[in-house]
PDB file of N, CA and C in Angstrom:
ATOM      1  N   MET A   1     -60.184 -51.246 -11.949  1.00  0.00           N
ATOM      2  CA  MET A   1     -59.290 -51.707 -10.890  1.00  0.00           C
ATOM      3  C   MET A   1     -58.549 -50.499 -10.385  1.00  0.00           C
ATOM      4  N   ALA A   2     -58.617 -50.233  -9.078  1.00  0.00           N
ATOM      5  CA  ALA A   2     -57.996 -49.083  -8.458  1.00  0.00           C
ATOM      6  C   ALA A   2     -56.651 -49.523  -7.888  1.00  0.00           C
ATOM      7  N   ALA A   3     -55.661 -48.690  -8.086  1.00  0.00           N
ATOM      8  CA  ALA A   3     -54.358 -48.908  -7.562  1.00  0.00           C
ATOM      9  C   ALA A   3     -54.231 -48.323  -6.195  1.00  0.00           C
ATOM     10  N   TYR A   4     -53.505 -48.963  -5.279  1.00  0.00           N
ATOM     11  CA  TYR A   4     -53.368 -48.519  -3.913  1.00  0.00           C
ATOM     12  C   TYR A   4     -52.285 -47.413  -3.918  1.00  0.00           C
ATOM     13  N   GLN A   5     -52.633 -46.277  -3.304  1.00  0.00           N
ATOM     14  CA  GLN A   5     -51.696 -45.142  -3.197  1.00  0.00           C
ATOM     15  C   GLN A   5     -51.665 -44.701  -1.795  1.00  0.00           C
ATOM     16  N   GLN A   6     -50.463 -44.567  -1.249  1.00  0.00           N
ATOM     17  CA  GLN A   6     -50.332 -44.096   0.145  1.00  0.00           C
ATOM     18  C   GLN A   6     -50.326 -42.571   0.077  1.00  0.00           C
ATOM     19  N   SER A   7     -51.201 -41.938   0.792  1.00  0.00           N
ATOM     20  CA  SER A   7     -51.369 -40.503   0.748  1.00  0.00           C
ATOM     21  C   SER A   7     -50.645 -39.825   1.853  1.00  0.00           C
ATOM     22  N   ASP A   8     -50.170 -38.654   1.591  1.00  0.00           N
ATOM     23  CA  ASP A   8     -49.486 -37.809   2.538  1.00  0.00           C
ATOM     24  C   ASP A   8     -50.607 -37.033   3.310  1.00  0.00           C
ATOM     25  N   PRO A   9     -50.471 -36.819   4.638  1.00  0.00           N
ATOM     26  CA  PRO A   9     -51.536 -36.073   5.357  1.00  0.00           C
ATOM     27  C   PRO A   9     -51.732 -34.670   4.832  1.00  0.00           C
ATOM     28  N   SER A  10     -50.769 -34.104   4.138  1.00  0.00           N
ATOM     29  CA  SER A  10     -50.884 -32.732   3.667  1.00  0.00           C
ATOM     30  C   SER A  10     -51.595 -32.729   2.318  1.00  0.00           C
ATOM     31  N   GLN A  11     -51.927 -33.854   1.801  1.00  0.00           N
ATOM     32  CA  GLN A  11     -52.621 -33.910   0.504  1.00  0.00           C
ATOM     33  C   GLN A  11     -54.080 -34.307   0.708  1.00  0.00           C
ATOM     34  N   VAL A  12     -54.919 -33.593  -0.088  1.00  0.00           N
ATOM     35  CA  VAL A  12     -56.388 -33.859   0.017  1.00  0.00           C
ATOM     36  C   VAL A  12     -56.738 -34.493  -1.362  1.00  0.00           C
ATOM     37  N   SER A  13     -57.424 -35.597  -1.277  1.00  0.00           N
ATOM     38  CA  SER A  13     -57.735 -36.261  -2.555  1.00  0.00           C
ATOM     39  C   SER A  13     -59.209 -36.183  -2.802  1.00  0.00           C
ATOM     40  N   SER A  14     -59.578 -35.812  -4.008  1.00  0.00           N
ATOM     41  CA  SER A  14     -61.010 -35.736  -4.371  1.00  0.00           C
ATOM     42  C   SER A  14     -61.087 -36.404  -5.770  1.00  0.00           C
ATOM     43  N   GLY A  15     -61.550 -37.619  -5.848  1.00  0.00           N
ATOM     44  CA  GLY A  15     -61.752 -38.323  -7.089  1.00  0.00           C
ATOM     45  C   GLY A  15     -60.364 -38.591  -7.692  1.00  0.00           C
ATOM     46  N   ASN A  16     -60.084 -38.153  -8.944  1.00  0.00           N
ATOM     47  CA  ASN A  16     -58.913 -38.398  -9.629  1.00  0.00           C
ATOM     48  C   ASN A  16     -57.831 -37.291  -9.372  1.00  0.00           C
ATOM     49  N   GLN A  17     -58.237 -36.211  -8.770  1.00  0.00           N
ATOM     50  CA  GLN A  17     -57.370 -35.068  -8.605  1.00  0.00           C
ATOM     51  C   GLN A  17     -56.838 -35.071  -7.136  1.00  0.00           C
ATOM     52  N   THR A  18     -55.531 -34.743  -7.028  1.00  0.00           N
ATOM     53  CA  THR A  18     -54.930 -34.645  -5.693  1.00  0.00           C
ATOM     54  C   THR A  18     -54.349 -33.218  -5.580  1.00  0.00           C
ATOM     55  N   THR A  19     -54.734 -32.518  -4.562  1.00  0.00           N
ATOM     56  CA  THR A  19     -54.280 -31.191  -4.315  1.00  0.00           C
ATOM     57  C   THR A  19     -53.571 -31.124  -2.978  1.00  0.00           C
ATOM     58  N   VAL A  20     -52.624 -30.246  -2.882  1.00  0.00           N
ATOM     59  CA  VAL A  20     -51.873 -30.124  -1.650  1.00  0.00           C
ATOM     60  C   VAL A  20     -52.497 -29.010  -0.843  1.00  0.00           C
ATOM     61  N   SER A  21     -52.804 -29.310   0.392  1.00  0.00           N
ATOM     62  CA  SER A  21     -53.429 -28.306   1.245  1.00  0.00           C
ATOM     63  C   SER A  21     -52.372 -27.617   2.142  1.00  0.00           C
ATOM     64  N   PRO A  22     -52.175 -26.352   1.987  1.00  0.00           N
ATOM     65  CA  PRO A  22     -51.101 -25.676   2.730  1.00  0.00           C
ATOM     66  C   PRO A  22     -51.388 -25.529   4.217  1.00  0.00           C
ATOM     67  N   ASN A  23     -52.609 -25.787   4.665  1.00  0.00           N
ATOM     68  CA  ASN A  23     -52.965 -25.540   6.069  1.00  0.00           C
ATOM     69  C   ASN A  23     -52.635 -26.767   6.993  1.00  0.00           C
ATOM     70  N   LEU A  24     -52.503 -28.025   6.359  1.00  0.00           N
ATOM     71  CA  LEU A  24     -52.247 -29.165   7.197  1.00  0.00           C
ATOM     72  C   LEU A  24     -50.734 -29.308   7.460  1.00  0.00           C
ATOM     73  N   PRO A  25     -50.343 -29.527   8.697  1.00  0.00           N
ATOM     74  CA  PRO A  25     -48.930 -29.690   8.958  1.00  0.00           C
ATOM     75  C   PRO A  25     -48.393 -31.046   8.600  1.00  0.00           C
ATOM     76  N   THR A  26     -47.214 -31.114   8.116  1.00  0.00           N
ATOM     77  CA  THR A  26     -46.580 -32.417   7.790  1.00  0.00           C
ATOM     78  C   THR A  26     -45.651 -32.814   8.914  1.00  0.00           C
ATOM     79  N   GLN A  27     -45.042 -34.001   8.761  1.00  0.00           N
ATOM     80  CA  GLN A  27     -44.100 -34.471   9.824  1.00  0.00           C
ATOM     81  C   GLN A  27     -42.920 -33.544   9.869  1.00  0.00           C
ATOM     82  N   LYS A  28     -42.512 -32.964   8.751  1.00  0.00           N
ATOM     83  CA  LYS A  28     -41.280 -32.093   8.696  1.00  0.00           C
ATOM     84  C   LYS A  28     -41.571 -30.735   9.450  1.00  0.00           C
ATOM     85  N   ASP A  29     -42.880 -30.314   9.371  1.00  0.00           N
ATOM     86  CA  ASP A  29     -43.229 -29.038   9.918  1.00  0.00           C
ATOM     87  C   ASP A  29     -43.450 -29.083  11.375  1.00  0.00           C
ATOM     88  N   LYS A  30     -43.633 -30.283  12.010  1.00  0.00           N
ATOM     89  CA  LYS A  30     -43.950 -30.323  13.390  1.00  0.00           C
ATOM     90  C   LYS A  30     -42.764 -29.888  14.262  1.00  0.00           C
ATOM     91  N   ALA A  31     -43.102 -29.190  15.346  1.00  0.00           N
ATOM     92  CA  ALA A  31     -42.095 -28.793  16.280  1.00  0.00           C
ATOM     93  C   ALA A  31     -41.771 -29.986  17.165  1.00  0.00           C
ATOM     94  N   PRO A  32     -40.543 -30.112  17.593  1.00  0.00           N
ATOM     95  CA  PRO A  32     -40.161 -31.216  18.426  1.00  0.00           C
ATOM     96  C   PRO A  32     -40.864 -31.113  19.795  1.00  0.00           C
ATOM     97  N   ASP A  33     -41.369 -32.220  20.253  1.00  0.00           N
ATOM     98  CA  ASP A  33     -42.103 -32.297  21.501  1.00  0.00           C
ATOM     99  C   ASP A  33     -41.070 -32.288  22.652  1.00  0.00           C
ATOM    100  N   PRO A  34     -41.221 -31.431  23.671  1.00  0.00           N
ATOM    101  CA  PRO A  34     -40.195 -31.427  24.712  1.00  0.00           C
ATOM    102  C   PRO A  34     -40.194 -32.715  25.517  1.00  0.00           C
ATOM    103  N   SER A  35     -41.353 -33.436  25.570  1.00  0.00           N
ATOM    104  CA  SER A  35     -41.369 -34.696  26.276  1.00  0.00           C
ATOM    105  C   SER A  35     -40.557 -35.773  25.544  1.00  0.00           C
ATOM    106  N   GLU A  36     -40.340 -35.569  24.248  1.00  0.00           N
ATOM    107  CA  GLU A  36     -39.513 -36.562  23.540  1.00  0.00           C
ATOM    108  C   GLU A  36     -38.041 -36.263  23.545  1.00  0.00           C
ATOM    109  N   ALA A  37     -37.641 -35.125  24.049  1.00  0.00           N
ATOM    110  CA  ALA A  37     -36.226 -34.687  24.121  1.00  0.00           C
ATOM    111  C   ALA A  37     -35.550 -35.617  25.192  1.00  0.00           C
ATOM    112  N   PRO A  38     -34.285 -35.995  24.921  1.00  0.00           N
ATOM    113  CA  PRO A  38     -33.608 -36.889  25.855  1.00  0.00           C
ATOM    114  C   PRO A  38     -33.336 -36.157  27.174  1.00  0.00           C
ATOM    115  N   SER A  39     -33.666 -36.816  28.290  1.00  0.00           N
ATOM    116  CA  SER A  39     -33.358 -36.213  29.533  1.00  0.00           C
ATOM    117  C   SER A  39     -32.012 -36.612  30.046  1.00  0.00           C
ATOM    118  N   SER A  40     -31.590 -35.993  31.090  1.00  0.00           N
ATOM    119  CA  SER A  40     -30.261 -36.303  31.655  1.00  0.00           C
ATOM    120  C   SER A  40     -30.188 -37.684  32.154  1.00  0.00           C
ATOM    121  N   THR A  41     -31.289 -38.224  32.707  1.00  0.00           N
ATOM    122  CA  THR A  41     -31.295 -39.615  33.180  1.00  0.00           C
ATOM    123  C   THR A  41     -31.187 -40.583  32.029  1.00  0.00           C
ATOM    124  N   SER A  42     -31.868 -40.343  30.905  1.00  0.00           N
ATOM    125  CA  SER A  42     -31.702 -41.226  29.790  1.00  0.00           C
ATOM    126  C   SER A  42     -30.344 -41.147  29.167  1.00  0.00           C
ATOM    127  N   LEU A  43     -29.722 -39.937  29.227  1.00  0.00           N
ATOM    128  CA  LEU A  43     -28.327 -39.812  28.685  1.00  0.00           C
ATOM    129  C   LEU A  43     -27.371 -40.575  29.531  1.00  0.00           C
ATOM    130  N   SER A  44     -27.552 -40.465  30.894  1.00  0.00           N
ATOM    131  CA  SER A  44     -26.635 -41.196  31.779  1.00  0.00           C
ATOM    132  C   SER A  44     -26.855 -42.657  31.674  1.00  0.00           C
ATOM    133  N   ALA A  45     -28.114 -43.121  31.429  1.00  0.00           N
ATOM    134  CA  ALA A  45     -28.365 -44.542  31.240  1.00  0.00           C
ATOM    135  C   ALA A  45     -27.735 -45.054  29.981  1.00  0.00           C
ATOM    136  N   SER A  46     -27.791 -44.225  28.872  1.00  0.00           N
ATOM    137  CA  SER A  46     -27.190 -44.619  27.636  1.00  0.00           C
ATOM    138  C   SER A  46     -25.669 -44.640  27.724  1.00  0.00           C
ATOM    139  N   LEU A  47     -25.113 -43.639  28.506  1.00  0.00           N
ATOM    140  CA  LEU A  47     -23.639 -43.617  28.703  1.00  0.00           C
ATOM    141  C   LEU A  47     -23.237 -44.845  29.492  1.00  0.00           C
ATOM    142  N   SER A  48     -24.014 -45.250  30.493  1.00  0.00           N
ATOM    143  CA  SER A  48     -23.622 -46.401  31.267  1.00  0.00           C
ATOM    144  C   SER A  48     -23.709 -47.691  30.438  1.00  0.00           C
ATOM    145  N   GLN A  49     -24.684 -47.689  29.478  1.00  0.00           N
ATOM    146  CA  GLN A  49     -24.732 -48.868  28.586  1.00  0.00           C
ATOM    147  C   GLN A  49     -23.512 -48.863  27.667  1.00  0.00           C
ATOM    148  N   VAL A  50     -23.135 -47.689  27.172  1.00  0.00           N
ATOM    149  CA  VAL A  50     -21.967 -47.634  26.312  1.00  0.00           C
ATOM    150  C   VAL A  50     -20.698 -48.058  27.046  1.00  0.00           C
ATOM    151  N   THR A  51     -20.562 -47.570  28.269  1.00  0.00           N
ATOM    152  CA  THR A  51     -19.376 -48.030  29.053  1.00  0.00           C
ATOM    153  C   THR A  51     -19.416 -49.464  29.382  1.00  0.00           C
ATOM    154  N   ALA A  52     -20.615 -50.026  29.606  1.00  0.00           N
ATOM    155  CA  ALA A  52     -20.701 -51.467  29.932  1.00  0.00           C
ATOM    156  C   ALA A  52     -20.303 -52.297  28.661  1.00  0.00           C
ATOM    157  N   ILE A  53     -20.732 -51.800  27.500  1.00  0.00           N
ATOM    158  CA  ILE A  53     -20.363 -52.507  26.268  1.00  0.00           C
ATOM    159  C   ILE A  53     -18.883 -52.380  26.013  1.00  0.00           C
ATOM    160  N   GLN A  54     -18.297 -51.199  26.237  1.00  0.00           N
ATOM    161  CA  GLN A  54     -16.862 -51.029  26.070  1.00  0.00           C
ATOM    162  C   GLN A  54     -16.111 -51.917  27.014  1.00  0.00           C
ATOM    163  N   ILE A  55     -16.526 -52.054  28.260  1.00  0.00           N
ATOM    164  CA  ILE A  55     -15.871 -52.925  29.250  1.00  0.00           C
ATOM    165  C   ILE A  55     -15.910 -54.377  28.798  1.00  0.00           C
ATOM    166  N   ARG A  56     -17.087 -54.750  28.327  1.00  0.00           N
ATOM    167  CA  ARG A  56     -17.253 -56.163  27.829  1.00  0.00           C
ATOM    168  C   ARG A  56     -16.333 -56.404  26.659  1.00  0.00           C
ATOM    169  N   TYR A  57     -16.262 -55.468  25.709  1.00  0.00           N
ATOM    170  CA  TYR A  57     -15.435 -55.562  24.525  1.00  0.00           C
ATOM    171  C   TYR A  57     -13.941 -55.689  24.934  1.00  0.00           C
ATOM    172  N   ASP A  58     -13.525 -54.825  25.913  1.00  0.00           N
ATOM    173  CA  ASP A  58     -12.163 -54.904  26.398  1.00  0.00           C
ATOM    174  C   ASP A  58     -11.863 -56.210  27.035  1.00  0.00           C
ATOM    175  N   ASN A  59     -12.790 -56.779  27.831  1.00  0.00           N
ATOM    176  CA  ASN A  59     -12.630 -58.116  28.436  1.00  0.00           C
ATOM    177  C   ASN A  59     -12.486 -59.180  27.382  1.00  0.00           C
ATOM    178  N   ILE A  60     -13.215 -59.120  26.346  1.00  0.00           N
ATOM    179  CA  ILE A  60     -13.162 -60.141  25.235  1.00  0.00           C
ATOM    180  C   ILE A  60     -11.801 -60.054  24.590  1.00  0.00           C
ATOM    181  N   GLN A  61     -11.332 -58.749  24.297  1.00  0.00           N
ATOM    182  CA  GLN A  61     -10.026 -58.682  23.631  1.00  0.00           C
ATOM    183  C   GLN A  61      -8.941 -59.184  24.588  1.00  0.00           C
ATOM    184  N   LEU A  62      -8.974 -58.947  25.911  1.00  0.00           N
ATOM    185  CA  LEU A  62      -7.971 -59.411  26.857  1.00  0.00           C
ATOM    186  C   LEU A  62      -8.005 -60.944  26.917  1.00  0.00           C
ATOM    187  N   ASN A  63      -9.177 -61.527  26.967  1.00  0.00           N
ATOM    188  CA  ASN A  63      -9.322 -63.016  27.020  1.00  0.00           C
ATOM    189  C   ASN A  63      -8.743 -63.660  25.734  1.00  0.00           C
ATOM    190  N   CYS A  64      -8.962 -62.974  24.577  1.00  0.00           N
ATOM    191  CA  CYS A  64      -8.408 -63.538  23.325  1.00  0.00           C
ATOM    192  C   CYS A  64      -6.899 -63.531  23.331  1.00  0.00           C
ATOM    193  N   LYS A  65      -6.327 -62.429  23.881  1.00  0.00           N
ATOM    194  CA  LYS A  65      -4.864 -62.370  23.971  1.00  0.00           C
ATOM    195  C   LYS A  65      -4.325 -63.391  24.901  1.00  0.00           C
ATOM    196  N   ARG A  66      -4.965 -63.537  26.082  1.00  0.00           N
ATOM    197  CA  ARG A  66      -4.504 -64.540  27.040  1.00  0.00           C
ATOM    198  C   ARG A  66      -4.603 -65.968  26.415  1.00  0.00           C
ATOM    199  N   ALA A  67      -5.680 -66.267  25.721  1.00  0.00           N
ATOM    200  CA  ALA A  67      -5.858 -67.521  25.146  1.00  0.00           C
ATOM    201  C   ALA A  67      -4.784 -67.867  24.085  1.00  0.00           C
ATOM    202  N   ALA A  68      -4.377 -66.865  23.306  1.00  0.00           N
ATOM    203  CA  ALA A  68      -3.362 -67.060  22.343  1.00  0.00           C
ATOM    204  C   ALA A  68      -2.050 -67.302  23.060  1.00  0.00           C
ATOM    205  N   GLU A  69      -1.732 -66.546  24.120  1.00  0.00           N
ATOM    206  CA  GLU A  69      -0.483 -66.734  24.844  1.00  0.00           C
ATOM    207  C   GLU A  69      -0.409 -68.157  25.486  1.00  0.00           C
ATOM    208  N   VAL A  70      -1.498 -68.571  26.076  1.00  0.00           N
ATOM    209  CA  VAL A  70      -1.565 -69.880  26.755  1.00  0.00           C
ATOM    210  C   VAL A  70      -1.420 -70.985  25.692  1.00  0.00           C
ATOM    211  N   GLN A  71      -2.044 -70.782  24.576  1.00  0.00           N
ATOM    212  CA  GLN A  71      -1.916 -71.826  23.449  1.00  0.00           C
ATOM    213  C   GLN A  71      -0.475 -71.948  23.022  1.00  0.00           C
ATOM    214  N   ILE A  72       0.228 -70.884  22.874  1.00  0.00           N
ATOM    215  CA  ILE A  72       1.641 -70.956  22.486  1.00  0.00           C
ATOM    216  C   ILE A  72       2.507 -71.597  23.542  1.00  0.00           C
ATOM    217  N   ALA A  73       2.255 -71.243  24.804  1.00  0.00           N
ATOM    218  CA  ALA A  73       2.944 -71.861  25.893  1.00  0.00           C
ATOM    219  C   ALA A  73       2.684 -73.367  25.952  1.00  0.00           C
ATOM    220  N   GLN A  74       1.436 -73.788  25.728  1.00  0.00           N
ATOM    221  CA  GLN A  74       1.103 -75.201  25.719  1.00  0.00           C
ATOM    222  C   GLN A  74       1.830 -75.921  24.594  1.00  0.00           C
ATOM    223  N   ALA A  75       1.907 -75.321  23.402  1.00  0.00           N
ATOM    224  CA  ALA A  75       2.589 -75.939  22.283  1.00  0.00           C
ATOM    225  C   ALA A  75       4.079 -76.118  22.576  1.00  0.00           C
ATOM    226  N   GLU A  76       4.665 -75.107  23.232  1.00  0.00           N
ATOM    227  CA  GLU A  76       6.133 -75.191  23.620  1.00  0.00           C
ATOM    228  C   GLU A  76       6.323 -76.296  24.564  1.00  0.00           C
ATOM    229  N   ARG A  77       5.404 -76.463  25.606  1.00  0.00           N
ATOM    230  CA  ARG A  77       5.550 -77.570  26.549  1.00  0.00           C
ATOM    231  C   ARG A  77       5.443 -78.902  25.877  1.00  0.00           C
ATOM    232  N   MET A  78       4.470 -79.026  24.920  1.00  0.00           N
ATOM    233  CA  MET A  78       4.334 -80.306  24.195  1.00  0.00           C
ATOM    234  C   MET A  78       5.556 -80.645  23.419  1.00  0.00           C
ATOM    235  N   LEU A  79       6.138 -79.669  22.767  1.00  0.00           N
ATOM    236  CA  LEU A  79       7.354 -79.915  21.936  1.00  0.00           C
ATOM    237  C   LEU A  79       8.534 -80.294  22.845  1.00  0.00           C
ATOM    238  N   LYS A  80       8.644 -79.630  23.962  1.00  0.00           N
ATOM    239  CA  LYS A  80       9.707 -79.934  24.963  1.00  0.00           C
ATOM    240  C   LYS A  80       9.587 -81.345  25.435  1.00  0.00           C
ATOM    241  N   ARG A  81       8.347 -81.757  25.853  1.00  0.00           N
ATOM    242  CA  ARG A  81       8.102 -83.041  26.367  1.00  0.00           C
ATOM    243  C   ARG A  81       8.392 -84.118  25.301  1.00  0.00           C
ATOM    244  N   SER A  82       7.956 -83.887  24.030  1.00  0.00           N
ATOM    245  CA  SER A  82       8.197 -84.901  23.033  1.00  0.00           C
ATOM    246  C   SER A  82       9.707 -85.024  22.705  1.00  0.00           C
ATOM    247  N   ARG A  83      10.410 -83.908  22.801  1.00  0.00           N
ATOM    248  CA  ARG A  83      11.882 -84.033  22.537  1.00  0.00           C
ATOM    249  C   ARG A  83      12.578 -84.765  23.657  1.00  0.00           C
ATOM    250  N   LEU A  84      12.124 -84.628  24.906  1.00  0.00           N
ATOM    251  CA  LEU A  84      12.686 -85.375  25.989  1.00  0.00           C
ATOM    252  C   LEU A  84      12.366 -86.884  25.963  1.00  0.00           C
ATOM    253  N   GLU A  85      11.154 -87.191  25.645  1.00  0.00           N
ATOM    254  CA  GLU A  85      10.676 -88.546  25.602  1.00  0.00           C
ATOM    255  C   GLU A  85      11.154 -89.344  24.404  1.00  0.00           C
ATOM    256  N   GLN A  86      11.306 -88.658  23.260  1.00  0.00           N
ATOM    257  CA  GLN A  86      11.625 -89.350  22.029  1.00  0.00           C
ATOM    258  C   GLN A  86      13.082 -89.082  21.647  1.00  0.00           C
ATOM    259  N   VAL A  87      14.011 -89.528  22.461  1.00  0.00           N
ATOM    260  CA  VAL A  87      15.413 -89.349  22.150  1.00  0.00           C
ATOM    261  C   VAL A  87      15.867 -90.502  21.202  1.00  0.00           C
ATOM    262  N   ALA A  88      16.996 -90.288  20.500  1.00  0.00           N
ATOM    263  CA  ALA A  88      17.515 -91.356  19.651  1.00  0.00           C
ATOM    264  C   ALA A  88      17.921 -92.572  20.502  1.00  0.00           C
ATOM    265  N   GLY A  89      17.562 -93.701  19.979  1.00  0.00           N
ATOM    266  CA  GLY A  89      17.889 -94.946  20.684  1.00  0.00           C
ATOM    267  C   GLY A  89      19.316 -95.424  20.445  1.00  0.00           C
ATOM    268  N   ASN A  90      19.830 -96.170  21.422  1.00  0.00           N
ATOM    269  CA  ASN A  90      21.183 -96.753  21.326  1.00  0.00           C
ATOM    270  C   ASN A  90      21.006 -98.235  20.869  1.00  0.00           C
ATOM    271  N   PRO A  91      22.080 -98.751  20.235  1.00  0.00           N
ATOM    272  CA  PRO A  91      22.007-100.206  19.892  1.00  0.00           C
ATOM    273  C   PRO A  91      21.818-101.066  21.079  1.00  0.00           C
ATOM    274  N   GLY A  92      20.880-102.014  20.972  1.00  0.00           N
ATOM    275  CA  GLY A  92      20.555-102.930  22.120  1.00  0.00           C
ATOM    276  C   GLY A  92      19.367-102.502  22.889  1.00  0.00           C
ATOM    277  N   ASP A  93      18.851-101.282  22.661  1.00  0.00           N
ATOM    278  CA  ASP A  93      17.656-100.805  23.428  1.00  0.00           C
ATOM    279  C   ASP A  93      16.390-101.557  22.917  1.00  0.00           C
ATOM    280  N   ASN A  94      15.499-101.836  23.884  1.00  0.00           N
ATOM    281  CA  ASN A  94      14.216-102.363  23.528  1.00  0.00           C
ATOM    282  C   ASN A  94      13.295-101.245  23.122  1.00  0.00           C
ATOM    283  N   VAL A  95      12.495-101.451  22.069  1.00  0.00           N
ATOM    284  CA  VAL A  95      11.580-100.453  21.557  1.00  0.00           C
ATOM    285  C   VAL A  95      10.207-100.997  21.354  1.00  0.00           C
ATOM    286  N   ILE A  96       9.198-100.192  21.485  1.00  0.00           N
ATOM    287  CA  ILE A  96       7.820-100.556  21.156  1.00  0.00           C
ATOM    288  C   ILE A  96       7.330 -99.759  20.011  1.00  0.00           C
ATOM    289  N   ILE A  97       6.912-100.449  18.933  1.00  0.00           N
ATOM    290  CA  ILE A  97       6.468 -99.755  17.717  1.00  0.00           C
ATOM    291  C   ILE A  97       4.925 -99.915  17.595  1.00  0.00           C
ATOM    292  N   PRO A  98       4.212 -98.780  17.644  1.00  0.00           N
ATOM    293  CA  PRO A  98       2.747 -98.849  17.593  1.00  0.00           C
ATOM    294  C   PRO A  98       2.295 -99.211  16.150  1.00  0.00           C
ATOM    295  N   ILE A  99       1.209 -99.955  16.072  1.00  0.00           N
ATOM    296  CA  ILE A  99       0.641-100.355  14.770  1.00  0.00           C
ATOM    297  C   ILE A  99      -0.642 -99.461  14.600  1.00  0.00           C
ATOM    298  N   PRO A 100      -0.761 -98.793  13.489  1.00  0.00           N
ATOM    299  CA  PRO A 100      -1.919 -97.902  13.272  1.00  0.00           C
ATOM    300  C   PRO A 100      -3.171 -98.783  13.222  1.00  0.00           C
ATOM    301  N   LEU A 101      -4.313 -98.193  13.608  1.00  0.00           N
ATOM    302  CA  LEU A 101      -5.614 -98.906  13.695  1.00  0.00           C
ATOM    303  C   LEU A 101      -6.027 -99.462  12.380  1.00  0.00           C
ATOM    304  N   VAL A 102      -5.742 -98.722  11.280  1.00  0.00           N
ATOM    305  CA  VAL A 102      -6.197 -99.165   9.967  1.00  0.00           C
ATOM    306  C   VAL A 102      -5.375-100.351   9.434  1.00  0.00           C
ATOM    307  N   ASP A 103      -4.180-100.632  10.024  1.00  0.00           N
ATOM    308  CA  ASP A 103      -3.335-101.671   9.522  1.00  0.00           C
ATOM    309  C   ASP A 103      -3.435-102.952  10.373  1.00  0.00           C
ATOM    310  N   ARG A 104      -4.308-102.999  11.330  1.00  0.00           N
ATOM    311  CA  ARG A 104      -4.426-104.222  12.156  1.00  0.00           C
ATOM    312  C   ARG A 104      -5.879-104.676  12.235  1.00  0.00           C
ATOM    313  N   GLY A 105      -6.039-105.895  12.477  1.00  0.00           N
ATOM    314  CA  GLY A 105      -7.384-106.510  12.659  1.00  0.00           C
ATOM    315  C   GLY A 105      -7.800-106.472  14.070  1.00  0.00           C
ATOM    316  N   ARG A 106      -8.964-107.051  14.371  1.00  0.00           N
ATOM    317  CA  ARG A 106      -9.466-107.052  15.711  1.00  0.00           C
ATOM    318  C   ARG A 106      -8.556-107.860  16.736  1.00  0.00           C
ATOM    319  N   GLY A 107      -8.036-108.906  16.247  1.00  0.00           N
ATOM    320  CA  GLY A 107      -7.245-109.740  17.174  1.00  0.00           C
ATOM    321  C   GLY A 107      -5.785-109.406  17.179  1.00  0.00           C
ATOM    322  N   ASP A 108      -5.281-108.466  16.325  1.00  0.00           N
ATOM    323  CA  ASP A 108      -3.893-108.163  16.221  1.00  0.00           C
ATOM    324  C   ASP A 108      -3.496-107.287  17.437  1.00  0.00           C
ATOM    325  N   PRO A 109      -2.240-107.366  17.839  1.00  0.00           N
ATOM    326  CA  PRO A 109      -1.750-106.572  18.927  1.00  0.00           C
ATOM    327  C   PRO A 109      -1.672-105.037  18.511  1.00  0.00           C
ATOM    328  N   ARG A 110      -1.671-104.183  19.502  1.00  0.00           N
ATOM    329  CA  ARG A 110      -1.594-102.803  19.229  1.00  0.00           C
ATOM    330  C   ARG A 110      -0.113-102.349  18.974  1.00  0.00           C
ATOM    331  N   ASN A 111       0.833-103.052  19.593  1.00  0.00           N
ATOM    332  CA  ASN A 111       2.245-102.685  19.443  1.00  0.00           C
ATOM    333  C   ASN A 111       3.035-103.944  19.062  1.00  0.00           C
ATOM    334  N   ILE A 112       4.214-103.635  18.491  1.00  0.00           N
ATOM    335  CA  ILE A 112       5.215-104.673  18.241  1.00  0.00           C
ATOM    336  C   ILE A 112       6.504-104.347  19.066  1.00  0.00           C
ATOM    337  N   MET A 113       6.966-105.325  19.826  1.00  0.00           N
ATOM    338  CA  MET A 113       8.196-105.092  20.553  1.00  0.00           C
ATOM    339  C   MET A 113       9.380-105.431  19.685  1.00  0.00           C
ATOM    340  N   GLY A 114      10.415-104.643  19.819  1.00  0.00           N
ATOM    341  CA  GLY A 114      11.612-104.919  18.984  1.00  0.00           C
ATOM    342  C   GLY A 114      12.910-104.541  19.708  1.00  0.00           C
ATOM    343  N   VAL A 115      14.043-104.800  19.088  1.00  0.00           N
ATOM    344  CA  VAL A 115      15.350-104.464  19.658  1.00  0.00           C
ATOM    345  C   VAL A 115      16.045-103.586  18.622  1.00  0.00           C
ATOM    346  N   ASN A 116      16.633-102.472  19.084  1.00  0.00           N
ATOM    347  CA  ASN A 116      17.340-101.582  18.172  1.00  0.00           C
ATOM    348  C   ASN A 116      18.735-102.190  17.893  1.00  0.00           C
ATOM    349  N   LEU A 117      18.977-102.523  16.558  1.00  0.00           N
ATOM    350  CA  LEU A 117      20.250-103.132  16.205  1.00  0.00           C
ATOM    351  C   LEU A 117      21.319-102.167  15.863  1.00  0.00           C
ATOM    352  N   GLU A 118      20.998-101.074  15.327  1.00  0.00           N
ATOM    353  CA  GLU A 118      22.032-100.115  14.890  1.00  0.00           C
ATOM    354  C   GLU A 118      21.850 -98.758  15.550  1.00  0.00           C
TER     355      GLU A 118
END
């Protein structure tokens, strides 16, 4: 049973012996190809991509800040409205008391009308 071995191009295999051939170039010995070097157009394209990504990131951060500010403002409006609508009642005022859904049957009313005695 033979085991699979990945060979290096600089190694020559003959039978069970493997020798290194000094004449074959390896990936490390190769000179960089000038056609593979980044050109000014590819650098400008990559810079424009980087700036586009940075602009998108800045927009996301700005929208998150705005959303947080709007959410706080909305909570303040809700609290202000509830304080104005739910003032303490005076004796003799008519009130409506809601009945929770779990405490009533199908035919029961949603609210109970009452009079504030004290």
